[in-house]
N, C-alpha and C. Protein backbone atom coordinates (compact mmCIF):
# COMPACT_ATOMS: atom_id res chain seq x y z
N MET A 1 88.11 44.58 106.75
CA MET A 1 87.97 43.16 106.46
C MET A 1 86.68 42.65 107.08
N SER A 2 85.99 41.80 106.37
CA SER A 2 84.78 41.20 106.91
C SER A 2 85.16 40.01 107.79
N LYS A 3 84.19 39.60 108.59
CA LYS A 3 84.42 38.48 109.50
C LYS A 3 84.59 37.19 108.70
N LEU A 4 85.51 36.33 109.16
CA LEU A 4 85.71 35.05 108.50
C LEU A 4 84.50 34.16 108.75
N ASN A 5 84.05 33.45 107.72
CA ASN A 5 82.89 32.56 107.85
C ASN A 5 83.23 31.28 108.58
N ASN A 6 84.38 30.72 108.27
CA ASN A 6 84.78 29.44 108.84
C ASN A 6 86.27 29.52 109.19
N PRO A 7 86.61 30.23 110.28
CA PRO A 7 88.03 30.46 110.59
C PRO A 7 88.72 29.21 111.12
N VAL A 8 89.99 29.09 110.73
CA VAL A 8 90.84 28.02 111.23
C VAL A 8 92.06 28.68 111.88
N LEU A 9 92.31 28.33 113.13
CA LEU A 9 93.43 28.90 113.87
C LEU A 9 94.74 28.39 113.29
N MET A 10 95.60 29.30 112.87
CA MET A 10 96.89 28.94 112.28
C MET A 10 98.06 29.18 113.21
N GLY A 11 97.89 30.11 114.17
CA GLY A 11 99.00 30.38 115.06
C GLY A 11 98.64 31.43 116.10
N THR A 12 99.52 31.56 117.08
CA THR A 12 99.36 32.56 118.13
C THR A 12 100.67 33.32 118.26
N ILE A 13 100.56 34.64 118.25
CA ILE A 13 101.75 35.48 118.35
C ILE A 13 102.22 35.51 119.80
N GLY A 14 103.52 35.32 119.97
CA GLY A 14 104.14 35.44 121.28
C GLY A 14 104.82 36.80 121.38
N GLY A 15 105.96 36.83 121.97
CA GLY A 15 106.67 38.08 122.17
C GLY A 15 107.38 38.59 120.94
N ALA A 16 107.89 39.79 121.05
CA ALA A 16 108.67 40.41 119.99
C ALA A 16 110.03 39.72 119.90
N GLN A 17 110.61 39.75 118.71
CA GLN A 17 111.92 39.15 118.46
C GLN A 17 112.80 40.23 117.86
N GLY A 18 113.71 40.76 118.62
CA GLY A 18 114.61 41.77 118.09
C GLY A 18 113.98 43.15 118.06
N LEU A 19 114.58 44.04 117.27
CA LEU A 19 114.16 45.44 117.24
C LEU A 19 113.42 45.84 115.97
N ARG A 20 113.39 44.96 114.96
CA ARG A 20 112.85 45.34 113.64
C ARG A 20 111.39 44.94 113.42
N GLY A 21 110.67 44.56 114.46
CA GLY A 21 109.25 44.26 114.30
C GLY A 21 108.92 42.79 114.11
N GLU A 22 109.91 41.93 114.20
CA GLU A 22 109.63 40.50 114.08
C GLU A 22 108.96 39.99 115.36
N VAL A 23 108.16 38.92 115.21
CA VAL A 23 107.48 38.32 116.35
C VAL A 23 107.69 36.81 116.33
N ARG A 24 107.63 36.23 117.53
CA ARG A 24 107.65 34.77 117.65
C ARG A 24 106.21 34.29 117.55
N VAL A 25 105.98 33.25 116.73
CA VAL A 25 104.64 32.73 116.51
C VAL A 25 104.65 31.23 116.75
N LYS A 26 103.71 30.77 117.56
CA LYS A 26 103.49 29.33 117.70
C LYS A 26 102.59 28.94 116.54
N SER A 27 103.16 28.22 115.58
CA SER A 27 102.44 27.85 114.37
C SER A 27 101.73 26.52 114.55
N PHE A 28 100.48 26.44 114.11
CA PHE A 28 99.71 25.20 114.19
C PHE A 28 99.63 24.51 112.83
N ALA A 29 100.37 25.01 111.85
CA ALA A 29 100.43 24.37 110.54
C ALA A 29 101.29 23.11 110.65
N GLU A 30 100.98 22.12 109.83
CA GLU A 30 101.76 20.87 109.88
C GLU A 30 103.23 21.16 109.66
N GLU A 31 103.54 21.99 108.69
CA GLU A 31 104.90 22.49 108.47
C GLU A 31 104.90 23.92 109.02
N PRO A 32 105.49 24.16 110.18
CA PRO A 32 105.37 25.46 110.85
C PRO A 32 105.68 26.67 109.98
N THR A 33 106.66 26.56 109.09
CA THR A 33 107.01 27.72 108.26
C THR A 33 105.99 27.97 107.15
N ALA A 34 105.01 27.11 106.99
CA ALA A 34 103.98 27.30 105.96
C ALA A 34 102.85 28.18 106.45
N ILE A 35 102.99 28.79 107.59
CA ILE A 35 101.91 29.58 108.18
C ILE A 35 101.42 30.69 107.25
N GLY A 36 102.26 31.20 106.41
CA GLY A 36 101.85 32.27 105.50
C GLY A 36 101.48 31.80 104.11
N ASP A 37 101.45 30.50 103.89
CA ASP A 37 101.19 29.97 102.54
C ASP A 37 99.73 29.96 102.13
N TYR A 38 98.83 30.31 103.03
CA TYR A 38 97.39 30.18 102.75
C TYR A 38 96.70 31.53 102.66
N GLY A 39 97.47 32.56 102.39
CA GLY A 39 96.91 33.90 102.27
C GLY A 39 97.16 34.71 103.53
N HIS A 40 96.54 35.87 103.58
CA HIS A 40 96.70 36.75 104.73
C HIS A 40 96.15 36.08 105.99
N LEU A 41 96.76 36.39 107.11
CA LEU A 41 96.29 35.90 108.41
C LEU A 41 95.41 36.99 109.02
N HIS A 42 94.36 36.57 109.73
CA HIS A 42 93.39 37.52 110.25
C HIS A 42 93.23 37.35 111.75
N ALA A 43 93.06 38.48 112.42
CA ALA A 43 92.74 38.48 113.85
C ALA A 43 91.23 38.59 114.00
N GLN A 44 90.71 38.19 115.15
CA GLN A 44 89.26 38.26 115.37
C GLN A 44 88.75 39.69 115.41
N ASP A 45 89.62 40.65 115.66
CA ASP A 45 89.19 42.05 115.70
C ASP A 45 89.13 42.68 114.30
N GLY A 46 89.41 41.88 113.26
CA GLY A 46 89.29 42.37 111.89
C GLY A 46 90.60 42.75 111.22
N ARG A 47 91.68 42.81 111.98
CA ARG A 47 92.97 43.16 111.36
C ARG A 47 93.46 42.02 110.48
N SER A 48 94.18 42.38 109.42
CA SER A 48 94.73 41.41 108.48
C SER A 48 96.24 41.59 108.45
N PHE A 49 96.96 40.46 108.34
CA PHE A 49 98.41 40.49 108.36
C PHE A 49 98.98 39.74 107.17
N GLU A 50 99.86 40.40 106.44
CA GLU A 50 100.55 39.77 105.33
C GLU A 50 101.94 39.34 105.81
N VAL A 51 102.24 38.06 105.62
CA VAL A 51 103.53 37.52 106.04
C VAL A 51 104.57 37.86 104.98
N LEU A 52 105.65 38.52 105.41
CA LEU A 52 106.74 38.85 104.49
C LEU A 52 107.87 37.84 104.57
N GLU A 53 108.20 37.41 105.78
CA GLU A 53 109.30 36.46 105.98
C GLU A 53 108.95 35.52 107.14
N VAL A 54 109.40 34.28 107.01
CA VAL A 54 109.23 33.29 108.08
C VAL A 54 110.52 32.50 108.17
N ARG A 55 110.99 32.30 109.40
CA ARG A 55 112.15 31.42 109.59
C ARG A 55 111.92 30.62 110.87
N GLU A 56 112.53 29.45 110.91
CA GLU A 56 112.34 28.57 112.07
C GLU A 56 113.21 29.00 113.23
N ALA A 57 112.70 28.79 114.41
CA ALA A 57 113.45 28.94 115.65
C ALA A 57 113.23 27.65 116.42
N LYS A 58 113.58 27.63 117.69
CA LYS A 58 113.52 26.39 118.46
C LYS A 58 112.13 25.74 118.44
N ASN A 59 111.14 26.32 119.09
CA ASN A 59 109.79 25.76 119.16
C ASN A 59 108.75 26.64 118.48
N VAL A 60 109.20 27.68 117.80
CA VAL A 60 108.31 28.64 117.17
C VAL A 60 108.87 29.01 115.80
N VAL A 61 108.15 29.87 115.10
CA VAL A 61 108.70 30.48 113.89
C VAL A 61 108.80 31.99 114.15
N ILE A 62 109.76 32.60 113.52
CA ILE A 62 109.94 34.04 113.61
C ILE A 62 109.33 34.62 112.35
N VAL A 63 108.39 35.57 112.52
CA VAL A 63 107.63 36.10 111.40
C VAL A 63 107.78 37.62 111.34
N ARG A 64 107.90 38.10 110.10
CA ARG A 64 107.88 39.55 109.88
C ARG A 64 106.64 39.84 109.05
N PHE A 65 105.78 40.73 109.57
CA PHE A 65 104.54 41.12 108.89
C PHE A 65 104.71 42.48 108.25
N ARG A 66 104.02 42.69 107.14
CA ARG A 66 104.00 44.00 106.49
C ARG A 66 103.37 45.01 107.47
N GLY A 67 104.04 46.15 107.65
CA GLY A 67 103.52 47.22 108.49
C GLY A 67 103.90 47.13 109.96
N VAL A 68 104.54 46.05 110.37
CA VAL A 68 105.02 45.92 111.76
C VAL A 68 106.52 46.09 111.68
N ASN A 69 106.99 47.34 111.97
CA ASN A 69 108.37 47.68 111.67
C ASN A 69 109.26 47.94 112.87
N ASP A 70 108.71 47.90 114.08
CA ASP A 70 109.57 48.13 115.24
C ASP A 70 109.11 47.26 116.41
N ARG A 71 109.92 47.25 117.43
CA ARG A 71 109.65 46.39 118.58
C ARG A 71 108.33 46.76 119.28
N ASN A 72 108.02 48.05 119.39
CA ASN A 72 106.79 48.46 120.06
C ASN A 72 105.56 47.91 119.33
N ALA A 73 105.55 47.99 118.01
CA ALA A 73 104.43 47.46 117.22
C ALA A 73 104.35 45.94 117.38
N ALA A 74 105.50 45.28 117.43
CA ALA A 74 105.53 43.82 117.60
C ALA A 74 105.02 43.43 118.98
N GLU A 75 105.43 44.15 120.02
CA GLU A 75 104.99 43.84 121.38
C GLU A 75 103.48 44.01 121.53
N ALA A 76 102.88 44.92 120.78
CA ALA A 76 101.44 45.15 120.87
C ALA A 76 100.63 43.96 120.33
N LEU A 77 101.27 43.06 119.60
CA LEU A 77 100.58 41.90 119.02
C LEU A 77 100.64 40.67 119.91
N ASN A 78 101.34 40.74 121.03
CA ASN A 78 101.53 39.60 121.91
C ASN A 78 100.19 38.96 122.29
N GLY A 79 100.07 37.64 122.09
CA GLY A 79 98.87 36.90 122.47
C GLY A 79 97.78 36.86 121.41
N LEU A 80 98.00 37.49 120.28
CA LEU A 80 96.98 37.56 119.23
C LEU A 80 96.90 36.24 118.47
N ASP A 81 95.68 35.70 118.33
CA ASP A 81 95.46 34.49 117.53
C ASP A 81 95.29 34.88 116.07
N LEU A 82 95.86 34.06 115.18
CA LEU A 82 95.81 34.33 113.74
C LEU A 82 95.06 33.22 113.02
N TYR A 83 94.13 33.61 112.14
CA TYR A 83 93.25 32.67 111.47
C TYR A 83 93.33 32.84 109.94
N VAL A 84 92.93 31.79 109.23
CA VAL A 84 92.67 31.87 107.80
C VAL A 84 91.28 31.31 107.57
N GLU A 85 90.72 31.63 106.43
CA GLU A 85 89.43 31.07 106.04
C GLU A 85 89.63 29.61 105.68
N ARG A 86 88.73 28.74 106.12
CA ARG A 86 88.83 27.29 105.88
C ARG A 86 89.00 26.98 104.39
N ASP A 87 88.33 27.73 103.53
CA ASP A 87 88.40 27.48 102.08
C ASP A 87 89.81 27.68 101.52
N ASN A 88 90.67 28.40 102.23
CA ASN A 88 92.05 28.62 101.77
C ASN A 88 92.95 27.41 102.00
N LEU A 89 92.51 26.46 102.81
CA LEU A 89 93.33 25.29 103.13
C LEU A 89 93.05 24.17 102.14
N PRO A 90 94.10 23.49 101.69
CA PRO A 90 93.91 22.42 100.69
C PRO A 90 93.31 21.16 101.30
N ASP A 91 92.32 20.58 100.63
CA ASP A 91 91.71 19.32 101.07
C ASP A 91 92.50 18.11 100.60
N ASP A 92 93.22 18.25 99.49
CA ASP A 92 93.91 17.11 98.91
C ASP A 92 95.11 16.64 99.71
N ASP A 93 95.55 17.44 100.69
CA ASP A 93 96.69 17.04 101.52
C ASP A 93 96.28 16.13 102.68
N LEU A 94 94.98 16.00 102.93
CA LEU A 94 94.50 15.22 104.07
C LEU A 94 94.38 13.74 103.72
N ASP A 95 94.76 12.89 104.67
CA ASP A 95 94.51 11.46 104.52
C ASP A 95 93.03 11.20 104.74
N GLU A 96 92.59 9.98 104.44
CA GLU A 96 91.18 9.63 104.56
C GLU A 96 90.65 9.82 105.98
N ASP A 97 91.47 9.58 106.98
CA ASP A 97 91.01 9.68 108.37
C ASP A 97 91.49 10.96 109.06
N GLU A 98 91.83 12.00 108.28
CA GLU A 98 92.24 13.28 108.84
C GLU A 98 91.18 14.33 108.54
N PHE A 99 90.97 15.23 109.51
CA PHE A 99 89.96 16.26 109.37
C PHE A 99 90.46 17.55 110.00
N PHE A 100 90.01 18.67 109.47
CA PHE A 100 90.21 19.93 110.16
C PHE A 100 89.14 20.04 111.22
N TYR A 101 89.48 20.58 112.39
CA TYR A 101 88.50 20.76 113.45
C TYR A 101 87.29 21.52 112.92
N ALA A 102 87.52 22.52 112.09
CA ALA A 102 86.42 23.34 111.57
C ALA A 102 85.44 22.50 110.75
N ASP A 103 85.90 21.42 110.14
CA ASP A 103 85.01 20.55 109.35
C ASP A 103 84.12 19.70 110.24
N LEU A 104 84.55 19.43 111.46
CA LEU A 104 83.78 18.57 112.36
C LEU A 104 82.67 19.35 113.07
N GLU A 105 82.90 20.62 113.32
CA GLU A 105 81.91 21.42 114.03
C GLU A 105 80.66 21.55 113.18
N GLY A 106 79.53 21.26 113.80
CA GLY A 106 78.25 21.32 113.10
C GLY A 106 77.73 19.98 112.64
N LEU A 107 78.57 18.93 112.72
CA LEU A 107 78.09 17.61 112.33
C LEU A 107 77.11 17.08 113.37
N GLU A 108 76.09 16.36 112.92
CA GLU A 108 75.13 15.74 113.82
C GLU A 108 75.62 14.34 114.17
N ALA A 109 75.63 14.01 115.46
CA ALA A 109 76.07 12.70 115.94
C ALA A 109 74.86 11.77 116.00
N LEU A 110 74.89 10.71 115.19
CA LEU A 110 73.81 9.73 115.13
C LEU A 110 74.33 8.35 115.45
N ASP A 111 73.46 7.52 116.07
CA ASP A 111 73.84 6.12 116.26
C ASP A 111 73.32 5.31 115.06
N ALA A 112 73.54 4.00 115.07
CA ALA A 112 73.17 3.14 113.94
C ALA A 112 71.66 3.13 113.70
N ASP A 113 70.87 3.43 114.72
CA ASP A 113 69.41 3.47 114.58
C ASP A 113 68.91 4.84 114.14
N GLY A 114 69.81 5.80 113.96
CA GLY A 114 69.41 7.13 113.55
C GLY A 114 69.07 8.07 114.69
N LYS A 115 69.29 7.65 115.92
CA LYS A 115 69.01 8.50 117.08
C LYS A 115 70.10 9.58 117.18
N SER A 116 69.66 10.81 117.35
CA SER A 116 70.58 11.93 117.43
C SER A 116 71.05 12.16 118.86
N TYR A 117 72.35 12.43 119.02
CA TYR A 117 72.94 12.76 120.32
C TYR A 117 73.39 14.22 120.36
N GLY A 118 73.02 14.97 119.33
CA GLY A 118 73.36 16.39 119.29
C GLY A 118 74.32 16.71 118.17
N MET A 119 74.72 17.96 118.16
CA MET A 119 75.65 18.47 117.15
C MET A 119 77.02 18.70 117.79
N VAL A 120 78.06 18.56 116.97
CA VAL A 120 79.41 18.87 117.43
C VAL A 120 79.52 20.39 117.53
N THR A 121 79.74 20.89 118.73
CA THR A 121 79.85 22.33 118.94
C THR A 121 81.27 22.77 119.26
N GLY A 122 82.17 21.82 119.44
CA GLY A 122 83.55 22.16 119.72
C GLY A 122 84.43 20.93 119.67
N VAL A 123 85.71 21.17 119.42
CA VAL A 123 86.72 20.10 119.40
C VAL A 123 87.84 20.57 120.31
N PHE A 124 88.20 19.72 121.27
CA PHE A 124 89.20 20.09 122.26
C PHE A 124 90.29 19.03 122.35
N ASP A 125 91.50 19.48 122.70
CA ASP A 125 92.60 18.56 122.97
C ASP A 125 93.30 19.07 124.22
N PHE A 126 93.08 18.38 125.33
CA PHE A 126 93.69 18.77 126.59
C PHE A 126 94.97 17.98 126.86
N GLY A 127 95.46 17.26 125.85
CA GLY A 127 96.71 16.55 125.98
C GLY A 127 96.59 15.04 125.94
N ALA A 128 95.42 14.50 126.18
CA ALA A 128 95.26 13.05 126.20
C ALA A 128 94.49 12.54 124.98
N GLY A 129 94.28 13.38 124.01
CA GLY A 129 93.56 13.00 122.80
C GLY A 129 92.41 13.95 122.55
N ASP A 130 91.91 13.95 121.34
CA ASP A 130 90.85 14.87 120.96
C ASP A 130 89.51 14.47 121.57
N LEU A 131 88.75 15.48 121.94
CA LEU A 131 87.41 15.30 122.47
C LEU A 131 86.44 16.13 121.64
N LEU A 132 85.27 15.57 121.38
CA LEU A 132 84.22 16.29 120.67
C LEU A 132 83.16 16.71 121.68
N GLU A 133 82.73 17.95 121.62
CA GLU A 133 81.65 18.42 122.47
C GLU A 133 80.36 18.29 121.67
N LEU A 134 79.38 17.57 122.24
CA LEU A 134 78.06 17.41 121.61
C LEU A 134 77.05 18.19 122.42
N LYS A 135 76.18 18.90 121.72
CA LYS A 135 75.12 19.66 122.39
C LYS A 135 73.83 19.41 121.64
N GLY A 136 72.84 18.91 122.39
CA GLY A 136 71.51 18.69 121.82
C GLY A 136 70.55 19.74 122.34
N PRO A 137 69.41 19.92 121.68
CA PRO A 137 68.45 20.92 122.13
C PRO A 137 67.97 20.63 123.55
N GLY A 138 68.11 21.60 124.43
CA GLY A 138 67.65 21.46 125.80
C GLY A 138 68.52 20.55 126.66
N LYS A 139 69.69 20.17 126.16
CA LYS A 139 70.58 19.28 126.92
C LYS A 139 71.88 19.99 127.23
N ARG A 140 72.53 19.53 128.26
CA ARG A 140 73.86 20.03 128.58
C ARG A 140 74.87 19.45 127.60
N PRO A 141 75.93 20.20 127.32
CA PRO A 141 76.97 19.64 126.45
C PRO A 141 77.66 18.45 127.10
N VAL A 142 78.04 17.47 126.29
CA VAL A 142 78.81 16.32 126.76
C VAL A 142 80.05 16.19 125.89
N LEU A 143 81.11 15.66 126.46
CA LEU A 143 82.35 15.41 125.72
C LEU A 143 82.46 13.93 125.44
N ILE A 144 82.82 13.60 124.20
CA ILE A 144 83.07 12.20 123.85
C ILE A 144 84.46 12.11 123.23
N PRO A 145 85.12 10.97 123.37
CA PRO A 145 86.45 10.83 122.77
C PRO A 145 86.32 10.74 121.24
N PHE A 146 87.23 11.40 120.56
CA PHE A 146 87.27 11.33 119.11
C PHE A 146 88.24 10.20 118.73
N THR A 147 87.73 8.98 118.84
CA THR A 147 88.52 7.78 118.54
C THR A 147 87.78 6.94 117.51
N GLU A 148 88.47 5.99 116.94
CA GLU A 148 87.84 5.12 115.94
C GLU A 148 86.81 4.19 116.56
N TRP A 149 86.83 4.03 117.88
CA TRP A 149 85.86 3.17 118.55
C TRP A 149 84.56 3.91 118.85
N SER A 150 84.66 5.20 119.16
CA SER A 150 83.44 5.95 119.49
C SER A 150 82.85 6.67 118.28
N VAL A 151 83.68 7.12 117.38
CA VAL A 151 83.20 7.76 116.14
C VAL A 151 83.54 6.79 115.01
N LEU A 152 82.52 6.11 114.51
CA LEU A 152 82.73 5.02 113.55
C LEU A 152 82.87 5.51 112.12
N GLU A 153 82.17 6.58 111.79
CA GLU A 153 82.17 7.05 110.40
C GLU A 153 81.83 8.54 110.38
N ILE A 154 82.45 9.26 109.45
CA ILE A 154 82.16 10.68 109.28
C ILE A 154 81.77 10.91 107.83
N ASP A 155 80.63 11.56 107.64
CA ASP A 155 80.14 11.90 106.31
C ASP A 155 80.00 13.41 106.25
N LEU A 156 81.05 14.08 105.77
CA LEU A 156 81.04 15.54 105.72
C LEU A 156 79.96 16.07 104.79
N GLU A 157 79.73 15.36 103.69
CA GLU A 157 78.73 15.83 102.73
C GLU A 157 77.32 15.79 103.32
N ALA A 158 77.02 14.76 104.10
CA ALA A 158 75.70 14.63 104.72
C ALA A 158 75.61 15.43 106.02
N GLY A 159 76.76 15.86 106.55
CA GLY A 159 76.77 16.61 107.80
C GLY A 159 76.51 15.75 109.02
N THR A 160 76.90 14.47 108.94
CA THR A 160 76.65 13.55 110.05
C THR A 160 77.90 12.75 110.39
N MET A 161 77.85 12.19 111.60
CA MET A 161 78.86 11.21 111.98
C MET A 161 78.16 10.09 112.75
N LEU A 162 78.60 8.89 112.50
CA LEU A 162 78.04 7.71 113.15
C LEU A 162 78.84 7.45 114.42
N VAL A 163 78.14 7.38 115.55
CA VAL A 163 78.81 7.15 116.82
C VAL A 163 78.32 5.85 117.44
N ASP A 164 79.19 5.24 118.22
CA ASP A 164 78.81 4.11 119.05
C ASP A 164 78.54 4.69 120.43
N PRO A 165 77.26 4.81 120.84
CA PRO A 165 76.96 5.48 122.11
C PRO A 165 77.59 4.82 123.33
N LEU A 166 77.77 3.51 123.29
CA LEU A 166 78.39 2.82 124.41
C LEU A 166 79.87 3.17 124.51
N ALA A 167 80.59 3.08 123.40
CA ALA A 167 82.02 3.40 123.39
C ALA A 167 82.27 4.88 123.64
N ALA A 168 81.33 5.72 123.24
CA ALA A 168 81.49 7.16 123.43
C ALA A 168 81.12 7.61 124.83
N GLY A 169 80.56 6.69 125.63
CA GLY A 169 80.18 7.04 126.99
C GLY A 169 78.85 7.77 127.06
N LEU A 170 78.07 7.67 126.01
CA LEU A 170 76.77 8.34 126.00
C LEU A 170 75.70 7.49 126.69
N THR A 171 75.92 6.19 126.77
CA THR A 171 75.01 5.29 127.49
C THR A 171 75.83 4.26 128.24
N ASP A 172 75.21 3.70 129.28
CA ASP A 172 75.87 2.63 130.02
C ASP A 172 75.55 1.28 129.41
N ASP A 173 74.38 1.21 128.78
CA ASP A 173 74.06 -0.01 128.07
C ASP A 173 73.21 0.35 126.86
N LYS A 174 73.18 -0.52 125.89
CA LYS A 174 72.58 -0.21 124.60
C LYS A 174 71.14 0.30 124.70
N ASP A 175 70.36 -0.22 125.62
CA ASP A 175 68.95 0.10 125.68
C ASP A 175 68.62 1.26 126.62
N GLN A 176 69.62 1.80 127.30
CA GLN A 176 69.38 2.83 128.31
C GLN A 176 69.39 4.22 127.69
N ASP A 177 68.48 5.07 128.15
CA ASP A 177 68.45 6.47 127.75
C ASP A 177 69.70 7.15 128.34
N PRO A 178 70.51 7.84 127.53
CA PRO A 178 71.75 8.41 128.04
C PRO A 178 71.55 9.46 129.13
N THR A 179 70.38 10.05 129.22
CA THR A 179 70.16 11.06 130.25
C THR A 179 69.59 10.47 131.53
N SER A 180 69.22 9.17 131.51
CA SER A 180 68.58 8.58 132.68
C SER A 180 69.53 8.46 133.87
N GLN A 181 70.83 8.39 133.64
CA GLN A 181 71.76 8.27 134.74
C GLN A 181 71.79 9.53 135.61
N PHE A 182 71.26 10.65 135.08
CA PHE A 182 71.26 11.88 135.83
C PHE A 182 69.91 12.16 136.49
N LYS A 183 68.93 11.30 136.26
CA LYS A 183 67.60 11.49 136.85
C LYS A 183 67.56 10.76 138.21
N PRO A 184 66.93 11.39 139.20
CA PRO A 184 66.83 10.72 140.51
C PRO A 184 65.95 9.49 140.40
N LYS A 185 66.33 8.46 141.11
CA LYS A 185 65.57 7.20 141.11
C LYS A 185 64.42 7.31 142.11
N ALA A 186 63.28 6.77 141.73
CA ALA A 186 62.12 6.77 142.62
C ALA A 186 62.33 5.82 143.77
N LYS A 187 61.81 6.19 144.94
CA LYS A 187 61.98 5.32 146.11
C LYS A 187 60.71 4.61 146.40
C-alpha cells in the first residue's frame, strides 16, 4: 500500500476481545460503528485492514478484521492508529461550520488587512476546546483557540482563514507587532 496523502484518524485499536481475533477500537467516527464504512483502514506502517464485523460495546466498538483470526494476532495490534484517506469521507454530511481537522491543516491565517500569522500546522484538543497551531517562517509555533471569535471565516477553496489577532491572542492591541512582547525592552 502506498502512503496516504491526506490521512484522517478514524480509530485506535485497544486490547484483544475474546479468542477469535476481535479487537476493541476507540472509534472517532461520529457514529462509532461506521468506522468501516469509508473503505479499508490503514496503519502508518503501510498495513491495510478490511473490516468484516463491527458491534458496539460500552465505550468502544468491537471489530473483526480480515486475516486477524486469533487472540495473539489481535494482541499484536494493540495501540495501532487506523486512518482513511480524506477523499473517502463525505463532505455533504458536514454542517456549514463543521470541518475535518485534515481540511484545516495548511490554511494560511490572515487578518482583515491581509497580514499573515502563519499556516495551520496542527489541530489539538486537550479537553477545553480545539486549538490551532500556527507556524510562520522563522517563527515559533503558537496556539490559538478555534472559536468563532478568533477564527472569523474559513475559505477552504482559497486556502485561507480570517482571524481576529486580538481575540486569538496574537496581539495585545491592534497596532502592536505580535512578536514584540517577546523582545527585551531597551533601558
